[in-house]
Amino acid sequence: QVGFSQLKALSPSGHCAPFDEAADGLVVGEGAGILVLKRLADALRYRDPIFGLIHGIGLSNDMKGNLLAPDSEGQVRAMRRVYETVSWSAHDIDLIECHGAGTPLGDLTELQSLADLWGKTGWEKGQCAIGSVKSMIGHLLTAAGAAGLIKVLLALKHRQLPPSLNFERPPVGSPLHQGPFRVQNTLTQWRRRKPDKPLR
């Protein structure tokens, strides 16, 4: 907490507001997340409930960034590797669970990375929902990735787009203006543009 305070990363208002013009920093939370990963063939054999499939992963070093000012190039490289691995186009995606910690520079960099990745791919304005579970439970630090993944898996299970809290309007200059992304701030039914593939 002392380190975050010295870096001026903590929200003085006490509200995590990812992507909003009033965002003023992160709110630290505590928690743990556990997920069971299995090969698809094994899960089908034992008739386990399947909440989602991992089709690919992307890793990249953030060569020039730091804790509060991440580098967009590394983020784009990691995401591009995932899409290339599974032969997907960025505009096939309906929902993106973002890092979205509520730090203005970090959130802006993440949005710019997504905008660069999507480029000129024939998207429609606001077609892809984005959000951050940190708006609901704070930044769980080492458990943050698990929390975000659980949120997405529950969205898939219930076929609903979950809301991201504390968002009213994007700041001036945000890629959310006239871009392919919209912050999902209400709970709505998920009407997928691309049909599910049947499990084998």
Protein backbone atom coordinates (compact mmCIF):
# COMPACT_ATOMS: atom_id res chain seq x y z
CA GLN A 1 0.00 0.00 0.00
CA VAL A 2 2.88 2.34 0.76
CA GLY A 3 4.37 1.64 -2.68
CA PHE A 4 1.09 2.26 -4.48
CA SER A 5 0.62 5.47 -2.50
CA GLN A 6 4.09 6.71 -3.43
CA LEU A 7 3.37 5.96 -7.08
CA LYS A 8 0.05 7.84 -6.78
CA ALA A 9 -1.69 4.78 -8.21
CA LEU A 10 -4.38 4.48 -5.53
CA SER A 11 -7.74 6.11 -6.13
CA PRO A 12 -8.23 9.02 -3.69
CA SER A 13 -11.98 8.78 -4.28
CA GLY A 14 -12.04 5.10 -3.36
CA HIS A 15 -13.90 4.19 -6.57
CA CYS A 16 -12.41 2.15 -9.39
CA ALA A 17 -13.79 3.65 -12.61
CA PRO A 18 -12.08 1.97 -15.57
CA PHE A 19 -12.19 3.95 -18.85
CA ASP A 20 -14.25 6.78 -17.33
CA GLU A 21 -13.27 10.45 -17.44
CA ALA A 22 -13.41 10.48 -13.62
CA ALA A 23 -10.98 7.54 -13.22
CA ASP A 24 -8.37 8.47 -10.61
CA GLY A 25 -6.55 5.22 -9.82
CA LEU A 26 -6.97 1.67 -8.64
CA VAL A 27 -8.67 0.23 -5.57
CA VAL A 28 -6.94 -2.76 -4.00
CA GLY A 29 -9.06 -5.80 -3.19
CA GLU A 30 -8.32 -9.24 -1.77
CA GLY A 31 -9.35 -12.63 -3.03
CA ALA A 32 -8.42 -15.92 -4.63
CA GLY A 33 -9.65 -17.78 -7.67
CA ILE A 34 -9.45 -21.46 -8.57
CA LEU A 35 -10.16 -22.95 -11.99
CA VAL A 36 -9.87 -26.57 -13.09
CA LEU A 37 -8.23 -27.03 -16.49
CA LYS A 38 -8.61 -30.29 -18.41
CA ARG A 39 -8.01 -31.57 -21.88
CA LEU A 40 -11.29 -31.36 -23.79
CA ALA A 41 -11.27 -35.10 -24.54
CA ASP A 42 -10.95 -35.91 -20.83
CA ALA A 43 -13.69 -33.49 -19.81
CA LEU A 44 -16.04 -34.98 -22.40
CA ARG A 45 -15.18 -38.54 -21.36
CA TYR A 46 -16.03 -37.82 -17.70
CA ARG A 47 -19.01 -35.63 -18.61
CA ASP A 48 -17.65 -32.69 -16.70
CA PRO A 49 -19.41 -29.33 -17.05
CA ILE A 50 -17.44 -27.25 -19.56
CA PHE A 51 -17.63 -23.49 -19.11
CA GLY A 52 -15.22 -22.52 -21.88
CA LEU A 53 -12.35 -23.60 -24.11
CA ILE A 54 -8.87 -22.11 -24.27
CA HIS A 55 -7.95 -21.89 -27.94
CA GLY A 56 -4.65 -20.05 -27.60
CA ILE A 57 -2.43 -17.86 -25.43
CA GLY A 58 -0.22 -14.88 -26.16
CA LEU A 59 2.75 -13.68 -24.14
CA SER A 60 5.01 -10.70 -24.68
CA ASN A 61 7.53 -8.64 -22.75
CA ASP A 62 6.68 -5.01 -22.14
CA MET A 63 10.06 -3.70 -23.27
CA LYS A 64 9.69 0.04 -22.63
CA GLY A 65 6.81 0.34 -20.17
CA ASN A 66 6.65 0.47 -16.40
CA LEU A 67 4.13 -0.31 -13.68
CA LEU A 68 1.95 2.75 -14.32
CA ALA A 69 2.80 3.49 -17.96
CA PRO A 70 2.63 0.23 -19.91
CA ASP A 71 3.93 -0.04 -23.45
CA SER A 72 1.31 -0.58 -26.15
CA GLU A 73 3.64 -2.45 -28.50
CA GLY A 74 4.00 -5.42 -26.15
CA GLN A 75 0.26 -5.61 -25.53
CA VAL A 76 -0.54 -5.63 -29.25
CA ARG A 77 2.11 -8.26 -29.91
CA ALA A 78 0.63 -10.62 -27.30
CA MET A 79 -2.94 -10.21 -28.55
CA ARG A 80 -1.95 -10.57 -32.20
CA ARG A 81 -0.24 -13.90 -31.43
CA VAL A 82 -3.45 -15.27 -29.94
CA TYR A 83 -5.58 -14.30 -32.91
CA GLU A 84 -3.04 -15.68 -35.38
CA THR A 85 -2.78 -18.96 -33.46
CA VAL A 86 -6.52 -19.62 -33.68
CA SER A 87 -7.07 -17.99 -37.09
CA TRP A 88 -9.52 -15.44 -35.69
CA SER A 89 -10.00 -11.88 -36.74
CA ALA A 90 -10.22 -9.26 -34.02
CA HIS A 91 -13.68 -8.22 -35.16
CA ASP A 92 -15.02 -11.74 -34.47
CA ILE A 93 -14.91 -10.91 -30.74
CA ASP A 94 -18.08 -9.90 -28.83
CA LEU A 95 -16.66 -9.38 -25.32
CA ILE A 96 -13.25 -8.37 -24.00
CA GLU A 97 -12.44 -8.52 -20.30
CA CYS A 98 -9.81 -5.83 -19.94
CA HIS A 99 -7.11 -5.25 -17.35
CA GLY A 100 -8.88 -1.91 -16.71
CA ALA A 101 -7.39 -1.00 -13.33
CA GLY A 102 -8.79 2.53 -13.32
CA THR A 103 -5.46 4.33 -13.77
CA PRO A 104 -6.00 6.90 -16.54
CA LEU A 105 -2.73 6.30 -18.40
CA GLY A 106 -2.88 2.50 -18.07
CA ASP A 107 -6.48 2.35 -19.28
CA LEU A 108 -5.77 4.69 -22.19
CA THR A 109 -2.79 2.57 -23.26
CA GLU A 110 -4.89 -0.60 -23.15
CA LEU A 111 -7.65 0.96 -25.24
CA GLN A 112 -5.12 2.25 -27.75
CA SER A 113 -3.60 -1.23 -27.98
CA LEU A 114 -7.03 -2.71 -28.74
CA ALA A 115 -7.72 0.00 -31.31
CA ASP A 116 -4.36 -0.69 -33.00
CA LEU A 117 -5.07 -4.43 -33.04
CA TRP A 118 -8.50 -3.99 -34.62
CA GLY A 119 -7.21 -1.43 -37.10
CA LYS A 120 -9.35 -1.15 -40.24
CA THR A 121 -11.05 -4.54 -40.06
CA GLY A 122 -14.53 -3.49 -41.13
CA TRP A 123 -15.91 -3.07 -37.62
CA GLU A 124 -19.00 -1.13 -36.61
CA LYS A 125 -18.96 1.59 -33.97
CA GLY A 126 -19.40 0.15 -30.48
CA GLN A 127 -19.86 -3.44 -31.64
CA CYS A 128 -17.61 -5.05 -29.00
CA ALA A 129 -18.42 -4.92 -25.29
CA ILE A 130 -15.53 -4.33 -22.89
CA GLY A 131 -15.39 -4.23 -19.12
CA SER A 132 -13.27 -4.82 -16.05
CA VAL A 133 -14.12 -6.91 -13.00
CA LYS A 134 -11.87 -4.55 -11.01
CA SER A 135 -14.72 -2.01 -11.08
CA MET A 136 -16.69 -4.45 -8.90
CA ILE A 137 -14.14 -6.05 -6.56
CA GLY A 138 -11.00 -3.95 -6.89
CA HIS A 139 -7.59 -5.09 -8.10
CA LEU A 140 -6.87 -8.48 -6.54
CA LEU A 141 -3.23 -8.24 -7.64
CA THR A 142 -2.06 -11.89 -7.95
CA ALA A 143 -5.67 -13.14 -8.28
CA ALA A 144 -6.78 -10.46 -10.77
CA GLY A 145 -6.43 -12.70 -13.83
CA ALA A 146 -8.43 -15.51 -12.22
CA ALA A 147 -11.21 -13.08 -11.28
CA GLY A 148 -11.43 -11.76 -14.84
CA LEU A 149 -11.49 -15.25 -16.32
CA ILE A 150 -14.22 -16.40 -13.92
CA LYS A 151 -16.30 -13.37 -14.91
CA VAL A 152 -15.99 -14.26 -18.61
CA LEU A 153 -16.79 -17.94 -18.01
CA LEU A 154 -19.93 -17.02 -16.08
CA ALA A 155 -20.91 -14.65 -18.90
CA LEU A 156 -20.58 -17.56 -21.34
CA LYS A 157 -22.54 -19.90 -19.07
CA HIS A 158 -25.46 -17.51 -18.59
CA ARG A 159 -25.21 -15.95 -22.07
CA GLN A 160 -25.24 -12.50 -20.54
CA LEU A 161 -22.94 -9.51 -20.91
CA PRO A 162 -22.06 -8.44 -17.35
CA PRO A 163 -21.80 -4.76 -16.47
CA SER A 164 -18.67 -2.82 -15.64
CA LEU A 165 -19.38 -0.35 -12.84
CA ASN A 166 -18.65 3.36 -12.41
CA PHE A 167 -18.61 4.24 -16.11
CA GLU A 168 -20.53 7.22 -17.44
CA ARG A 169 -18.47 8.79 -20.24
CA PRO A 170 -14.99 8.39 -21.70
CA PRO A 171 -12.36 11.10 -21.36
CA VAL A 172 -11.54 13.43 -24.23
CA GLY A 173 -9.29 11.69 -26.74
CA SER A 174 -10.27 8.17 -25.67
CA PRO A 175 -10.40 5.50 -28.41
CA LEU A 176 -13.93 4.78 -27.14
CA HIS A 177 -15.11 7.79 -29.13
CA GLN A 178 -16.15 6.55 -32.59
CA GLY A 179 -14.33 3.23 -32.09
CA PRO A 180 -15.43 -0.43 -32.16
CA PHE A 181 -15.62 -0.72 -28.35
CA ARG A 182 -18.25 0.21 -25.80
CA VAL A 183 -18.04 -0.14 -22.03
CA GLN A 184 -20.76 -2.60 -21.03
CA ASN A 185 -22.42 -0.80 -18.12
CA THR A 186 -25.69 -2.75 -17.95
CA LEU A 187 -26.52 -6.44 -17.71
CA THR A 188 -27.90 -7.57 -21.07
CA GLN A 189 -28.58 -10.76 -22.95
CA TRP A 190 -25.60 -11.88 -25.03
CA ARG A 191 -26.66 -12.17 -28.66
CA ARG A 192 -23.57 -13.55 -30.30
CA ARG A 193 -22.70 -12.47 -33.78
CA LYS A 194 -20.68 -15.64 -34.37
CA PRO A 195 -22.36 -19.00 -33.53
CA ASP A 196 -20.78 -21.42 -31.07
CA LYS A 197 -18.80 -24.31 -32.47
CA PRO A 198 -20.08 -27.72 -31.32
CA LEU A 199 -17.86 -29.65 -28.92
CA ARG A 200 -16.27 -32.77 -30.38
